[in-house]
Protein backbone atom coordinates (compact mmCIF):
# COMPACT_ATOMS: atom_id res chain seq x y z
CA MET A 1 -4.83 -0.93 4.33
CA ILE A 2 -7.68 -0.08 2.00
CA GLU A 3 -11.17 0.46 3.35
CA TYR A 4 -14.10 0.11 0.96
CA ASN A 5 -17.64 1.46 0.77
CA ASP A 6 -20.09 -1.03 -0.68
CA VAL A 7 -21.78 0.85 -3.51
CA SER A 8 -23.75 -2.22 -4.50
CA THR A 9 -23.48 -5.96 -4.06
CA ILE A 10 -21.28 -6.08 -7.16
CA LYS A 11 -19.00 -3.05 -6.85
CA LYS A 12 -16.74 -1.79 -4.05
CA VAL A 13 -15.25 1.71 -4.10
CA PRO A 14 -12.12 2.58 -2.10
CA PHE A 15 -13.00 5.02 0.67
CA THR A 16 -9.68 5.43 2.49
CA PHE A 17 -6.12 4.28 2.01
CA THR A 18 -3.89 4.05 5.07
CA CYS A 19 -0.12 3.84 4.71
CA ASP A 20 1.22 0.80 6.55
CA LYS A 21 4.50 2.66 7.19
CA CYS A 22 3.50 6.13 8.48
CA GLY A 23 -0.17 5.48 9.29
CA LYS A 24 -1.46 8.53 7.39
CA LYS A 25 -4.97 8.18 5.96
CA TYR A 26 -5.95 9.44 2.53
CA LYS A 27 -9.64 9.89 1.70
CA TYR A 28 -11.39 9.23 -1.59
CA GLY A 29 -12.68 12.44 -3.15
CA VAL A 30 -10.24 14.56 -1.13
CA ASP A 31 -6.78 13.07 -1.69
CA ASP A 32 -7.33 11.55 -5.13
CA PHE A 33 -3.85 12.37 -6.46
CA GLU A 34 -2.19 10.86 -3.38
CA MET A 35 -4.34 7.74 -3.69
CA GLN A 36 -3.26 7.33 -7.33
CA GLU A 37 0.36 7.19 -6.20
CA PHE A 38 -0.21 4.60 -3.46
CA ARG A 39 1.71 1.37 -4.02
CA HIS A 40 0.22 -1.97 -3.12
CA ILE A 41 2.77 -4.73 -2.56
CA ASN A 42 1.28 -8.23 -2.60
CA PHE A 43 3.15 -11.50 -2.89
CA ILE A 44 3.50 -14.96 -1.39
CA GLY A 45 6.79 -15.96 0.21
CA GLY A 46 8.60 -18.79 -1.52
CA TYR A 47 10.56 -21.72 -0.18
CA ALA A 48 13.03 -20.59 2.52
CA SER A 49 11.79 -17.00 2.24
CA VAL A 50 12.54 -14.67 5.16
CA PHE A 51 8.79 -13.92 5.10
CA GLY A 52 7.90 -17.59 5.55
CA ASP A 53 7.08 -20.34 3.11
CA GLU A 54 3.71 -19.60 1.46
CA THR A 55 3.13 -16.55 3.68
CA GLU A 56 0.95 -13.94 1.99
CA VAL A 57 2.40 -10.44 2.30
CA ASN A 58 0.20 -7.37 1.74
CA TYR A 59 1.70 -3.92 2.24
CA ASP A 60 0.23 -0.55 1.26
CA VAL A 61 2.61 2.38 1.21
CA CYS A 62 2.22 6.05 0.29
CA GLN A 63 4.50 7.66 -2.28
CA HIS A 64 6.31 9.68 0.39
CA CYS A 65 7.33 6.66 2.47
CA LEU A 66 8.30 4.67 -0.62
CA TYR A 67 10.41 7.57 -1.90
CA THR A 68 12.16 7.90 1.48
CA PHE A 69 12.88 4.17 1.50
CA ILE A 70 14.24 4.12 -2.05
CA LYS A 71 16.26 7.31 -1.59
CA GLY A 72 17.78 5.95 1.63
CA GLU A 73 18.74 2.66 0.00
CA ASN A 74 20.32 4.31 -3.05
CA LYS A 75 22.88 6.63 -1.47
CA ASN A 76 25.15 6.64 -4.54
CA GLY A 77 22.46 7.91 -6.92
């Protein structure tokens, strides 16, 4: 989840990123390098998708959780 501060009526600036996996919050201006490595997964499920037909999926994950997931899935490498 990304929370925004309204800087003006035109521009929004990310204030915090929260990992949807571990729940850790990263703050703008404090954890800038961590925020740069956040991954935002957004897509719409297709026909017969396990997510549901035309279901919008939004998932924000920190680099640590994504690395753990990828490393766990790729046990031969």
